[in-house]
Amino acid sequence: MDTTMLIKTKKDLKLKAQELASELGFSLTDIVNASLRQFVINQGITISKIPTERLDSYTNKKEILSAYKASLTEF
Protein backbone atom coordinates (compact mmCIF):
# COMPACT_ATOMS: atom_id res chain seq x y z
CA MET A 1 0.00 0.00 0.00
CA ASP A 2 1.35 3.43 -0.91
CA THR A 3 1.48 6.30 1.54
CA THR A 4 1.92 10.04 1.19
CA MET A 5 4.75 12.05 2.71
CA LEU A 6 4.68 15.79 3.25
CA ILE A 7 8.12 17.40 3.36
CA LYS A 8 9.38 20.97 3.40
CA THR A 9 12.16 21.99 1.05
CA LYS A 10 13.32 25.11 -0.73
CA LYS A 11 11.19 25.96 -3.75
CA ASP A 12 14.17 26.45 -6.07
CA LEU A 13 15.67 23.11 -4.99
CA LYS A 14 12.39 21.33 -5.74
CA LEU A 15 12.11 22.95 -9.17
CA LYS A 16 15.72 22.10 -10.10
CA ALA A 17 15.26 18.52 -8.89
CA GLN A 18 12.01 18.12 -10.86
CA GLU A 19 13.66 19.49 -13.98
CA LEU A 20 16.67 17.17 -13.71
CA ALA A 21 14.49 14.15 -12.91
CA SER A 22 12.31 14.91 -15.93
CA GLU A 23 15.35 15.27 -18.21
CA LEU A 24 16.44 11.79 -17.09
CA GLY A 25 12.98 10.29 -17.60
CA PHE A 26 11.96 10.07 -13.94
CA SER A 27 9.44 11.74 -11.69
CA LEU A 28 10.49 13.40 -8.45
CA THR A 29 8.56 10.65 -6.66
CA ASP A 30 10.76 8.05 -8.40
CA ILE A 31 13.88 9.90 -7.18
CA VAL A 32 12.65 10.19 -3.59
CA ASN A 33 11.63 6.52 -3.50
CA ALA A 34 14.98 5.40 -4.93
CA SER A 35 16.80 7.53 -2.35
CA LEU A 36 14.73 6.08 0.49
CA ARG A 37 15.38 2.54 -0.75
CA GLN A 38 19.13 3.16 -0.87
CA PHE A 39 19.01 4.65 2.63
CA VAL A 40 17.32 1.49 3.95
CA ILE A 41 19.56 -0.91 2.00
CA ASN A 42 22.79 0.87 3.02
CA GLN A 43 21.62 1.60 6.57
CA GLY A 44 22.89 5.13 6.05
CA ILE A 45 23.40 7.89 3.54
CA THR A 46 26.37 9.10 1.52
CA ILE A 47 26.46 12.77 0.61
CA SER A 48 29.05 14.00 -1.86
CA LYS A 49 29.66 17.29 -3.66
CA ILE A 50 31.14 15.45 -6.63
CA PRO A 51 28.72 13.23 -8.58
CA THR A 52 30.16 9.78 -9.14
CA GLU A 53 28.06 9.00 -12.19
CA ARG A 54 25.27 10.69 -14.13
CA LEU A 55 22.48 8.75 -15.77
CA ASP A 56 22.64 10.91 -18.88
CA SER A 57 26.08 9.48 -19.60
CA TYR A 58 24.38 6.24 -20.60
CA THR A 59 23.28 5.85 -24.18
CA ASN A 60 20.22 3.71 -23.49
CA LYS A 61 18.08 5.60 -20.95
CA LYS A 62 15.05 3.41 -21.68
CA GLU A 63 16.95 0.33 -20.51
CA ILE A 64 17.97 2.08 -17.29
CA LEU A 65 14.41 3.25 -16.65
CA SER A 66 13.04 -0.22 -17.33
CA ALA A 67 15.52 -1.80 -14.89
CA TYR A 68 14.67 0.80 -12.26
CA LYS A 69 10.93 0.28 -12.61
CA ALA A 70 11.40 -3.50 -12.42
CA SER A 71 13.35 -3.02 -9.18
CA LEU A 72 10.37 -1.23 -7.62
CA THR A 73 8.56 -4.54 -7.26
CA GLU A 74 11.35 -5.88 -5.03
CA PHE A 75 10.20 -3.84 -2.02
C-alpha atoms as a PDB file:
ATOM      1  CA  MET A   1       0.000   0.000   0.000  1.00  0.00           C
ATOM      2  CA  ASP A   2       1.348   3.429  -0.911  1.00  0.00           C
ATOM      3  CA  THR A   3       1.476   6.298   1.538  1.00  0.00           C
ATOM      4  CA  THR A   4       1.919  10.037   1.191  1.00  0.00           C
ATOM      5  CA  MET A   5       4.755  12.051   2.706  1.00  0.00           C
ATOM      6  CA  LEU A   6       4.679  15.785   3.250  1.00  0.00           C
ATOM      7  CA  ILE A   7       8.118  17.395   3.359  1.00  0.00           C
ATOM      8  CA  LYS A   8       9.376  20.967   3.403  1.00  0.00           C
ATOM      9  CA  THR A   9      12.161  21.986   1.054  1.00  0.00           C
ATOM     10  CA  LYS A  10      13.322  25.108  -0.730  1.00  0.00           C
ATOM     11  CA  LYS A  11      11.187  25.960  -3.754  1.00  0.00           C
ATOM     12  CA  ASP A  12      14.174  26.452  -6.073  1.00  0.00           C
ATOM     13  CA  LEU A  13      15.668  23.110  -4.995  1.00  0.00           C
ATOM     14  CA  LYS A  14      12.388  21.326  -5.742  1.00  0.00           C
ATOM     15  CA  LEU A  15      12.109  22.948  -9.166  1.00  0.00           C
ATOM     16  CA  LYS A  16      15.717  22.102 -10.104  1.00  0.00           C
ATOM     17  CA  ALA A  17      15.259  18.520  -8.887  1.00  0.00           C
ATOM     18  CA  GLN A  18      12.010  18.124 -10.855  1.00  0.00           C
ATOM     19  CA  GLU A  19      13.664  19.487 -13.984  1.00  0.00           C
ATOM     20  CA  LEU A  20      16.669  17.166 -13.713  1.00  0.00           C
ATOM     21  CA  ALA A  21      14.488  14.149 -12.913  1.00  0.00           C
ATOM     22  CA  SER A  22      12.312  14.910 -15.929  1.00  0.00           C
ATOM     23  CA  GLU A  23      15.353  15.266 -18.210  1.00  0.00           C
ATOM     24  CA  LEU A  24      16.438  11.794 -17.087  1.00  0.00           C
ATOM     25  CA  GLY A  25      12.979  10.292 -17.597  1.00  0.00           C
ATOM     26  CA  PHE A  26      11.958  10.066 -13.940  1.00  0.00           C
ATOM     27  CA  SER A  27       9.438  11.741 -11.692  1.00  0.00           C
ATOM     28  CA  LEU A  28      10.487  13.403  -8.454  1.00  0.00           C
ATOM     29  CA  THR A  29       8.556  10.647  -6.655  1.00  0.00           C
ATOM     30  CA  ASP A  30      10.764   8.054  -8.397  1.00  0.00           C
ATOM     31  CA  ILE A  31      13.878   9.897  -7.183  1.00  0.00           C
ATOM     32  CA  VAL A  32      12.648  10.194  -3.585  1.00  0.00           C
ATOM     33  CA  ASN A  33      11.625   6.522  -3.497  1.00  0.00           C
ATOM     34  CA  ALA A  34      14.979   5.405  -4.931  1.00  0.00           C
ATOM     35  CA  SER A  35      16.795   7.534  -2.351  1.00  0.00           C
ATOM     36  CA  LEU A  36      14.728   6.081   0.494  1.00  0.00           C
ATOM     37  CA  ARG A  37      15.383   2.541  -0.750  1.00  0.00           C
ATOM     38  CA  GLN A  38      19.130   3.161  -0.868  1.00  0.00           C
ATOM     39  CA  PHE A  39      19.008   4.653   2.629  1.00  0.00           C
ATOM     40  CA  VAL A  40      17.320   1.492   3.947  1.00  0.00           C
ATOM     41  CA  ILE A  41      19.559  -0.908   2.001  1.00  0.00           C
ATOM     42  CA  ASN A  42      22.787   0.873   3.022  1.00  0.00           C
ATOM     43  CA  GLN A  43      21.616   1.602   6.567  1.00  0.00           C
ATOM     44  CA  GLY A  44      22.894   5.128   6.046  1.00  0.00           C
ATOM     45  CA  ILE A  45      23.400   7.889   3.540  1.00  0.00           C
ATOM     46  CA  THR A  46      26.369   9.100   1.517  1.00  0.00           C
ATOM     47  CA  ILE A  47      26.456  12.774   0.610  1.00  0.00           C
ATOM     48  CA  SER A  48      29.047  14.002  -1.865  1.00  0.00           C
ATOM     49  CA  LYS A  49      29.655  17.289  -3.663  1.00  0.00           C
ATOM     50  CA  ILE A  50      31.140  15.446  -6.625  1.00  0.00           C
ATOM     51  CA  PRO A  51      28.724  13.232  -8.579  1.00  0.00           C
ATOM     52  CA  THR A  52      30.162   9.784  -9.138  1.00  0.00           C
ATOM     53  CA  GLU A  53      28.056   9.002 -12.190  1.00  0.00           C
ATOM     54  CA  ARG A  54      25.272  10.686 -14.133  1.00  0.00           C
ATOM     55  CA  LEU A  55      22.483   8.752 -15.766  1.00  0.00           C
ATOM     56  CA  ASP A  56      22.637  10.911 -18.876  1.00  0.00           C
ATOM     57  CA  SER A  57      26.079   9.479 -19.596  1.00  0.00           C
ATOM     58  CA  TYR A  58      24.383   6.243 -20.598  1.00  0.00           C
ATOM     59  CA  THR A  59      23.280   5.849 -24.183  1.00  0.00           C
ATOM     60  CA  ASN A  60      20.220   3.714 -23.487  1.00  0.00           C
ATOM     61  CA  LYS A  61      18.083   5.598 -20.950  1.00  0.00           C
ATOM     62  CA  LYS A  62      15.048   3.407 -21.682  1.00  0.00           C
ATOM     63  CA  GLU A  63      16.950   0.329 -20.514  1.00  0.00           C
ATOM     64  CA  ILE A  64      17.967   2.076 -17.288  1.00  0.00           C
ATOM     65  CA  LEU A  65      14.409   3.254 -16.649  1.00  0.00           C
ATOM     66  CA  SER A  66      13.045  -0.222 -17.333  1.00  0.00           C
ATOM     67  CA  ALA A  67      15.517  -1.802 -14.893  1.00  0.00           C
ATOM     68  CA  TYR A  68      14.672   0.802 -12.261  1.00  0.00           C
ATOM     69  CA  LYS A  69      10.926   0.280 -12.610  1.00  0.00           C
ATOM     70  CA  ALA A  70      11.402  -3.495 -12.421  1.00  0.00           C
ATOM     71  CA  SER A  71      13.346  -3.020  -9.180  1.00  0.00           C
ATOM     72  CA  LEU A  72      10.370  -1.235  -7.624  1.00  0.00           C
ATOM     73  CA  THR A  73       8.559  -4.543  -7.264  1.00  0.00           C
ATOM     74  CA  GLU A  74      11.353  -5.882  -5.027  1.00  0.00           C
ATOM     75  CA  PHE A  75      10.204  -3.835  -2.019  1.00  0.00           C
END
